[in-house]
């Protein structure tokens, strides 16, 4: 799954990241933990970094599926 980052959170990830998730999906909170583990970036846990799935802001318990478009955004990402 390709993950996009907007704003300052994108810098440590180089703008995008790739992770593999199970077919039954993964909660956004689990995806954050996976990203932090694989990329060594704890900033993904900051409470101001929001997650969007398929262009909609979601909560931490939202289940991300393999075909979803996921983006993490720092405050004042622009646009």
Protein backbone atom coordinates (compact mmCIF):
# COMPACT_ATOMS: atom_id res chain seq x y z
CA UNK A 1 0.00 0.00 0.00
CA UNK A 2 1.33 3.42 -0.94
CA UNK A 3 0.95 6.10 1.72
CA UNK A 4 1.17 9.82 1.05
CA UNK A 5 2.28 12.49 3.49
CA UNK A 6 1.45 16.20 3.38
CA UNK A 7 3.10 18.98 5.33
CA UNK A 8 6.04 18.56 7.66
CA UNK A 9 5.29 14.91 8.39
CA UNK A 10 6.31 14.12 4.80
CA UNK A 11 9.93 15.17 5.30
CA UNK A 12 11.13 12.15 7.33
CA UNK A 13 9.33 9.78 4.94
CA UNK A 14 10.61 11.43 1.78
CA UNK A 15 7.04 12.30 0.77
CA UNK A 16 5.71 8.74 0.47
CA UNK A 17 6.01 5.32 2.07
CA UNK A 18 5.09 1.75 1.21
CA UNK A 19 3.80 -0.89 3.63
CA UNK A 20 2.18 -4.27 3.25
CA UNK A 21 -0.94 -4.94 5.31
CA UNK A 22 -3.00 -8.08 5.89
CA UNK A 23 -6.01 -8.79 3.68
CA UNK A 24 -8.39 -8.21 6.61
CA UNK A 25 -7.06 -4.66 7.01
CA UNK A 26 -5.45 -2.67 9.77
CA UNK A 27 -6.68 0.15 12.03
CA UNK A 28 -5.17 3.58 11.45
CA UNK A 29 -3.54 3.35 14.88
CA UNK A 30 -1.88 0.09 13.82
CA UNK A 31 -0.77 1.64 10.55
CA UNK A 32 0.88 4.47 12.49
CA UNK A 33 2.73 1.90 14.63
CA UNK A 34 3.82 -0.02 11.54
CA UNK A 35 5.13 3.14 9.87
CA UNK A 36 6.99 4.20 13.03
CA UNK A 37 8.57 0.77 13.27
CA UNK A 38 9.57 0.44 9.61
CA UNK A 39 10.79 4.01 9.12
CA UNK A 40 11.91 4.96 12.65
CA UNK A 41 9.69 8.05 12.66
CA UNK A 42 7.87 8.61 15.95
CA UNK A 43 6.45 11.94 14.71
CA UNK A 44 3.66 9.93 13.03
CA UNK A 45 2.16 9.53 16.54
CA UNK A 46 1.83 13.28 17.15
CA UNK A 47 -1.81 14.09 17.91
CA UNK A 48 -1.89 16.88 15.34
CA UNK A 49 -1.10 14.51 12.43
CA UNK A 50 -4.44 13.52 10.90
CA UNK A 51 -5.20 10.52 8.73
CA UNK A 52 -7.37 10.46 5.62
CA UNK A 53 -8.57 7.35 3.84
CA UNK A 54 -10.01 7.72 0.35
CA UNK A 55 -10.05 11.52 0.78
CA UNK A 56 -11.96 11.52 4.09
CA UNK A 57 -10.55 12.32 7.54
CA UNK A 58 -10.92 9.19 9.69
CA UNK A 59 -10.55 8.18 13.33
CA UNK A 60 -7.82 5.98 14.76
CA UNK A 61 -10.07 2.91 14.80
CA UNK A 62 -10.95 3.15 11.09
CA UNK A 63 -9.92 -0.04 9.27
CA UNK A 64 -7.68 0.55 6.27
CA UNK A 65 -8.01 -1.98 3.44
CA UNK A 66 -5.30 -2.92 0.93
CA UNK A 67 -6.87 -0.94 -1.95
CA UNK A 68 -7.45 2.27 0.04
CA UNK A 69 -5.69 5.55 -0.59
CA UNK A 70 -4.14 6.73 2.68
CA UNK A 71 -2.65 10.12 3.51
CA UNK A 72 -1.26 11.59 6.72
CA UNK A 73 -1.33 15.36 7.11
CA UNK A 74 0.43 17.77 9.42
CA UNK A 75 -1.35 20.97 10.42
CA UNK A 76 -1.23 23.72 7.83
CA UNK A 77 -0.47 21.36 4.97
CA UNK A 78 -1.95 23.84 2.50
CA UNK A 79 -4.31 23.16 -0.32
